[in-house]
C-alpha atoms as a PDB file:
ATOM      1  CA  MET A   1       0.447  -0.341  -0.120  1.00  0.00           C
ATOM      2  CA  ASN A   2       1.286   3.194  -0.728  1.00  0.00           C
ATOM      3  CA  GLU A   3       1.283   6.462   1.702  1.00  0.00           C
ATOM      4  CA  THR A   4      -1.716   7.600   0.569  1.00  0.00           C
ATOM      5  CA  VAL A   5      -3.897   3.965   0.776  1.00  0.00           C
ATOM      6  CA  THR A   6      -2.229   3.224   3.911  1.00  0.00           C
ATOM      7  CA  LYS A   7      -3.836   6.760   6.095  1.00  0.00           C
ATOM      8  CA  ARG A   8      -6.880   6.591   4.696  1.00  0.00           C
ATOM      9  CA  PHE A   9      -7.204   2.347   5.380  1.00  0.00           C
ATOM     10  CA  LEU A  10      -5.701   3.685   9.023  1.00  0.00           C
ATOM     11  CA  LEU A  11      -8.590   5.577   8.546  1.00  0.00           C
ATOM     12  CA  TYR A  12     -11.541   3.648   7.895  1.00  0.00           C
ATOM     13  CA  PHE A  13     -10.711   1.278  10.379  1.00  0.00           C
ATOM     14  CA  ARG A  14     -10.039   2.952  13.015  1.00  0.00           C
ATOM     15  CA  LEU A  15     -13.701   4.366  12.226  1.00  0.00           C
ATOM     16  CA  MET A  16     -15.342   0.835  11.821  1.00  0.00           C
ATOM     17  CA  LEU A  17     -13.614   0.066  15.139  1.00  0.00           C
ATOM     18  CA  LEU A  18     -15.162   3.224  16.890  1.00  0.00           C
ATOM     19  CA  VAL A  19     -18.501   1.609  15.573  1.00  0.00           C
ATOM     20  CA  TRP A  20     -17.706  -1.893  16.640  1.00  0.00           C
ATOM     21  CA  ILE A  21     -16.565  -1.160  20.122  1.00  0.00           C
ATOM     22  CA  LEU A  22     -19.835   1.406  20.454  1.00  0.00           C
ATOM     23  CA  VAL A  23     -21.819  -1.477  19.034  1.00  0.00           C
ATOM     24  CA  ALA A  24     -20.306  -4.567  20.903  1.00  0.00           C
ATOM     25  CA  ASN A  25     -20.758  -1.976  24.562  1.00  0.00           C
ATOM     26  CA  ALA A  26     -24.508  -1.582  23.789  1.00  0.00           C
ATOM     27  CA  VAL A  27     -25.271  -5.062  22.948  1.00  0.00           C
ATOM     28  CA  ILE A  28     -23.301  -6.588  26.939  1.00  0.00           C
ATOM     29  CA  HIS A  29     -24.335  -3.165  27.921  1.00  0.00           C
ATOM     30  CA  LEU A  30     -28.562  -4.031  27.048  1.00  0.00           C
ATOM     31  CA  THR A  31     -27.924  -7.685  27.972  1.00  0.00           C
ATOM     32  CA  GLY A  32     -25.853  -6.986  31.820  1.00  0.00           C
ATOM     33  CA  MET A  33     -23.130  -9.187  30.780  1.00  0.00           C
ATOM     34  CA  GLU A  34     -20.507  -9.363  32.880  1.00  0.00           C
ATOM     35  CA  TYR A  35     -17.384  -9.699  32.593  1.00  0.00           C
ATOM     36  CA  SER A  36     -16.957  -7.958  29.626  1.00  0.00           C
ATOM     37  CA  TRP A  37     -13.324  -7.079  30.704  1.00  0.00           C
ATOM     38  CA  LEU A  38     -12.332 -10.816  29.354  1.00  0.00           C
ATOM     39  CA  ILE A  39     -13.275 -10.110  26.057  1.00  0.00           C
ATOM     40  CA  PHE A  40     -11.726  -6.071  25.934  1.00  0.00           C
ATOM     41  CA  LEU A  41      -8.614  -7.153  27.873  1.00  0.00           C
ATOM     42  CA  SER A  42      -8.087  -9.422  24.336  1.00  0.00           C
ATOM     43  CA  ASN A  43      -8.805  -6.671  21.976  1.00  0.00           C
ATOM     44  CA  ILE A  44      -6.709  -4.256  23.920  1.00  0.00           C
ATOM     45  CA  MET A  45      -4.004  -6.593  23.484  1.00  0.00           C
ATOM     46  CA  MET A  46      -3.987  -7.420  19.960  1.00  0.00           C
ATOM     47  CA  PHE A  47      -4.198  -4.399  18.592  1.00  0.00           C
ATOM     48  CA  THR A  48      -0.423  -3.652  20.853  1.00  0.00           C
ATOM     49  CA  LEU A  49       0.662  -6.724  20.142  1.00  0.00           C
ATOM     50  CA  GLU A  50       3.514  -6.636  16.875  1.00  0.00           C
ATOM     51  CA  GLY A  51       3.420  -8.930  13.608  1.00  0.00           C
ATOM     52  CA  ASP A  52       1.200 -10.016  11.317  1.00  0.00           C
ATOM     53  CA  VAL A  53      -2.608 -10.002  12.965  1.00  0.00           C
ATOM     54  CA  LYS A  54      -3.715 -13.425  12.204  1.00  0.00           C
ATOM     55  CA  ASP A  55      -0.533 -14.221  14.289  1.00  0.00           C
ATOM     56  CA  ARG A  56      -1.949 -11.447  16.861  1.00  0.00           C
ATOM     57  CA  LEU A  57      -5.171 -12.702  16.620  1.00  0.00           C
ATOM     58  CA  VAL A  58      -4.226 -16.492  17.919  1.00  0.00           C
ATOM     59  CA  THR A  59      -1.445 -15.337  20.839  1.00  0.00           C
ATOM     60  CA  VAL A  60      -4.534 -13.215  21.906  1.00  0.00           C
ATOM     61  CA  GLU A  61      -6.460 -15.808  22.362  1.00  0.00           C
ATOM     62  CA  LEU A  62      -4.220 -18.626  23.490  1.00  0.00           C
ATOM     63  CA  GLY A  63      -2.357 -16.904  26.014  1.00  0.00           C
ATOM     64  CA  GLY A  64      -5.366 -15.404  27.319  1.00  0.00           C
ATOM     65  CA  LEU A  65      -6.701 -18.883  27.382  1.00  0.00           C
ATOM     66  CA  VAL A  66      -3.789 -20.503  28.982  1.00  0.00           C
ATOM     67  CA  GLY A  67      -3.581 -17.386  31.514  1.00  0.00           C
ATOM     68  CA  LEU A  68      -7.124 -18.328  32.854  1.00  0.00           C
ATOM     69  CA  VAL A  69      -6.080 -21.481  32.786  1.00  0.00           C
ATOM     70  CA  LEU A  70      -3.011 -20.835  34.503  1.00  0.00           C
ATOM     71  CA  THR A  71      -4.721 -18.533  37.281  1.00  0.00           C
ATOM     72  CA  VAL A  72      -8.099 -21.834  37.950  1.00  0.00           C
ATOM     73  CA  ALA A  73      -4.306 -24.017  38.294  1.00  0.00           C
ATOM     74  CA  ALA A  74      -2.536 -21.359  41.089  1.00  0.00           C
ATOM     75  CA  LEU A  75      -5.898 -21.469  42.733  1.00  0.00           C
ATOM     76  CA  LEU A  76      -6.492 -24.103  43.377  1.00  0.00           C
ATOM     77  CA  SER A  77      -2.802 -25.563  44.197  1.00  0.00           C
ATOM     78  CA  ILE A  78      -2.771 -22.597  46.529  1.00  0.00           C
ATOM     79  CA  SER A  79      -5.898 -24.197  48.430  1.00  0.00           C
ATOM     80  CA  ALA A  80      -3.964 -27.819  48.359  1.00  0.00           C
ATOM     81  CA  LEU A  81      -1.202 -26.380  49.600  1.00  0.00           C
ATOM     82  CA  THR A  82      -1.558 -23.963  52.696  1.00  0.00           C
ATOM     83  CA  PRO A  83      -2.984 -26.395  54.765  1.00  0.00           C
ATOM     84  CA  VAL A  84      -0.558 -28.778  54.424  1.00  0.00           C
ATOM     85  CA  LEU A  85       2.685 -26.001  53.606  1.00  0.00           C
ATOM     86  CA  GLY A  86       1.012 -22.922  55.755  1.00  0.00           C
ATOM     87  CA  ASP A  87       0.526 -19.179  55.028  1.00  0.00           C
ATOM     88  CA  PHE A  88       3.695 -18.446  52.882  1.00  0.00           C
ATOM     89  CA  LEU A  89       5.156 -21.544  51.321  1.00  0.00           C
ATOM     90  CA  GLY A  90       0.814 -23.027  50.294  1.00  0.00           C
ATOM     91  CA  PHE A  91       0.636 -19.437  48.843  1.00  0.00           C
ATOM     92  CA  ILE A  92       4.663 -18.471  47.237  1.00  0.00           C
ATOM     93  CA  LEU A  93       5.437 -22.350  45.601  1.00  0.00           C
ATOM     94  CA  PRO A  94       2.093 -21.891  43.262  1.00  0.00           C
ATOM     95  CA  LEU A  95       3.426 -18.639  41.891  1.00  0.00           C
ATOM     96  CA  ALA A  96       6.485 -19.596  41.506  1.00  0.00           C
ATOM     97  CA  VAL A  97       5.612 -22.782  38.982  1.00  0.00           C
ATOM     98  CA  VAL A  98       2.702 -20.934  37.038  1.00  0.00           C
ATOM     99  CA  LEU A  99       5.426 -17.834  36.676  1.00  0.00           C
ATOM    100  CA  PHE A 100       7.933 -20.290  36.056  1.00  0.00           C
ATOM    101  CA  ILE A 101       5.784 -21.442  32.802  1.00  0.00           C
ATOM    102  CA  LEU A 102       5.314 -17.579  31.765  1.00  0.00           C
ATOM    103  CA  ILE A 103       9.062 -16.577  32.053  1.00  0.00           C
ATOM    104  CA  ILE A 104      11.319 -18.437  31.617  1.00  0.00           C
ATOM    105  CA  LEU A 105       8.898 -21.217  29.211  1.00  0.00           C
ATOM    106  CA  HIS A 106       8.351 -18.386  27.438  1.00  0.00           C
ATOM    107  CA  PRO A 107      10.383 -18.934  24.549  1.00  0.00           C
ATOM    108  CA  TYR A 108      10.026 -22.856  24.061  1.00  0.00           C
ATOM    109  CA  ALA A 109       6.223 -21.689  23.088  1.00  0.00           C
ATOM    110  CA  PRO A 110       5.831 -17.914  22.243  1.00  0.00           C
ATOM    111  CA  LYS A 111       2.036 -17.838  21.274  1.00  0.00           C
ATOM    112  CA  VAL A 112       0.779 -20.146  24.297  1.00  0.00           C
ATOM    113  CA  LEU A 113       2.615 -18.106  27.243  1.00  0.00           C
ATOM    114  CA  ASN A 114       3.529 -15.193  26.813  1.00  0.00           C
ATOM    115  CA  ASN A 115       2.456 -11.224  28.158  1.00  0.00           C
ATOM    116  CA  VAL A 116      -1.450 -11.294  27.828  1.00  0.00           C
ATOM    117  CA  GLY A 117      -1.576 -14.582  29.784  1.00  0.00           C
ATOM    118  CA  PHE A 118       0.501 -12.609  31.822  1.00  0.00           C
ATOM    119  CA  ALA A 119      -1.911 -10.417  31.836  1.00  0.00           C
ATOM    120  CA  TYR A 120      -5.117 -12.206  32.305  1.00  0.00           C
ATOM    121  CA  LEU A 121      -3.457 -14.052  35.215  1.00  0.00           C
ATOM    122  CA  THR A 122      -3.168 -10.417  36.907  1.00  0.00           C
ATOM    123  CA  VAL A 123      -6.286  -8.764  35.776  1.00  0.00           C
ATOM    124  CA  ALA A 124      -8.348 -12.549  36.969  1.00  0.00           C
ATOM    125  CA  CYS A 125      -6.722 -12.261  40.509  1.00  0.00           C
ATOM    126  CA  ILE A 126      -8.162  -8.979  41.269  1.00  0.00           C
ATOM    127  CA  ASP A 127     -11.831 -10.738  42.412  1.00  0.00           C
ATOM    128  CA  ILE A 128     -11.454 -14.335  43.430  1.00  0.00           C
ATOM    129  CA  PRO A 129     -14.063 -14.708  44.633  1.00  0.00           C
ATOM    130  CA  ALA A 130     -15.848 -14.094  41.467  1.00  0.00           C
ATOM    131  CA  LEU A 131     -14.023 -15.821  39.645  1.00  0.00           C
ATOM    132  CA  THR A 132     -14.371 -18.934  41.158  1.00  0.00           C
ATOM    133  CA  ALA A 133     -17.765 -18.090  41.816  1.00  0.00           C
ATOM    134  CA  HIS A 134     -18.187 -18.115  38.104  1.00  0.00           C
ATOM    135  CA  LEU A 135     -15.518 -19.996  36.426  1.00  0.00           C
ATOM    136  CA  PRO A 136     -17.330 -21.368  33.580  1.00  0.00           C
ATOM    137  CA  GLN A 137     -19.390 -17.820  32.611  1.00  0.00           C
ATOM    138  CA  PHE A 138     -15.362 -16.564  32.617  1.00  0.00           C
ATOM    139  CA  PHE A 139     -14.238 -18.809  30.469  1.00  0.00           C
ATOM    140  CA  ILE A 140     -16.681 -18.995  27.822  1.00  0.00           C
ATOM    141  CA  THR A 141     -16.916 -15.384  27.749  1.00  0.00           C
ATOM    142  CA  PHE A 142     -13.462 -15.009  27.291  1.00  0.00           C
ATOM    143  CA  ILE A 143     -13.569 -18.066  24.690  1.00  0.00           C
ATOM    144  CA  VAL A 144     -16.782 -17.124  22.738  1.00  0.00           C
ATOM    145  CA  GLY A 145     -16.575 -13.291  23.143  1.00  0.00           C
ATOM    146  CA  SER A 146     -12.941 -12.144  22.607  1.00  0.00           C
ATOM    147  CA  VAL A 147     -12.893 -14.460  19.410  1.00  0.00           C
ATOM    148  CA  LEU A 148     -16.072 -13.062  18.209  1.00  0.00           C
ATOM    149  CA  PHE A 149     -15.198  -9.299  18.873  1.00  0.00           C
ATOM    150  CA  ASN A 150     -11.962  -9.766  17.619  1.00  0.00           C
ATOM    151  CA  GLY A 151     -12.161 -12.114  14.745  1.00  0.00           C
ATOM    152  CA  VAL A 152     -15.374  -8.821  14.067  1.00  0.00           C
ATOM    153  CA  CYS A 153     -11.966  -6.256  14.409  1.00  0.00           C
ATOM    154  CA  VAL A 154      -9.560  -8.630  12.145  1.00  0.00           C
ATOM    155  CA  LEU A 155     -12.676  -8.527   9.172  1.00  0.00           C
ATOM    156  CA  LEU A 156     -13.403  -5.322   9.271  1.00  0.00           C
ATOM    157  CA  MET A 157      -9.752  -4.514   7.695  1.00  0.00           C
ATOM    158  CA  LYS A 158     -11.106  -6.207   4.308  1.00  0.00           C
ATOM    159  CA  PRO A 159     -13.494  -3.408   3.851  1.00  0.00           C
ATOM    160  CA  ALA A 160     -11.505  -0.582   5.062  1.00  0.00           C
ATOM    161  CA  LYS A 161      -8.366  -1.680   2.465  1.00  0.00           C
ATOM    162  CA  ALA A 162     -11.073  -1.825  -0.437  1.00  0.00           C
ATOM    163  CA  LEU A 163     -12.280   1.798   0.719  1.00  0.00           C
ATOM    164  CA  ALA A 164      -9.065   3.415   0.867  1.00  0.00           C
ATOM    165  CA  VAL A 165      -8.060   1.940  -2.185  1.00  0.00           C
ATOM    166  CA  ARG A 166     -11.302   2.820  -4.185  1.00  0.00           C
ATOM    167  CA  SER A 167     -11.126   6.836  -2.598  1.00  0.00           C
ATOM    168  CA  ALA A 168      -7.525   6.892  -3.628  1.00  0.00           C
ATOM    169  CA  GLU A 169      -8.252   5.815  -7.055  1.00  0.00           C
ATOM    170  CA  LYS A 170     -10.862   8.501  -7.391  1.00  0.00           C
ATOM    171  CA  GLN A 171      -9.122  10.736  -6.207  1.00  0.00           C
ATOM    172  CA  ASN A 172      -5.740   9.777  -8.819  1.00  0.00           C
ATOM    173  CA  ALA A 173      -8.393   9.700 -11.195  1.00  0.00           C
END
């Protein structure tokens, strides 16, 4: 894409994203969907990562899912180990294992062990009672919501590019 087409593409794509985000938020608000942060956190991560947009989509979805799974594993481990090892070791050992997986093993599986997983681990632990009480809803909201929301974002790129090319051609004609 030349510079004019790129600038127009970005303008059209951002306008489409704005409308899509407003529509999605309106639907979420009207339906009273809880835990919509699961959807929008993945979207923020998707547009802050480097690389091809399809690779970013896979990285965000897999990384977020791994982050949620590691959160559940850590919480279950903490619950099981704390009565046996005490508060400190019961907490720090599972945390060390989860962080080891995300940080040290990252170079070996960057698509699944990444900052997205770390973000989901961190944010999901803000309200542990809600997470544990509504665990299936968390996973369903993340998987369905973020794939749908981010998928539409990816699909919007094609019409935005077509509009940019057409408008640049009209200007040059």
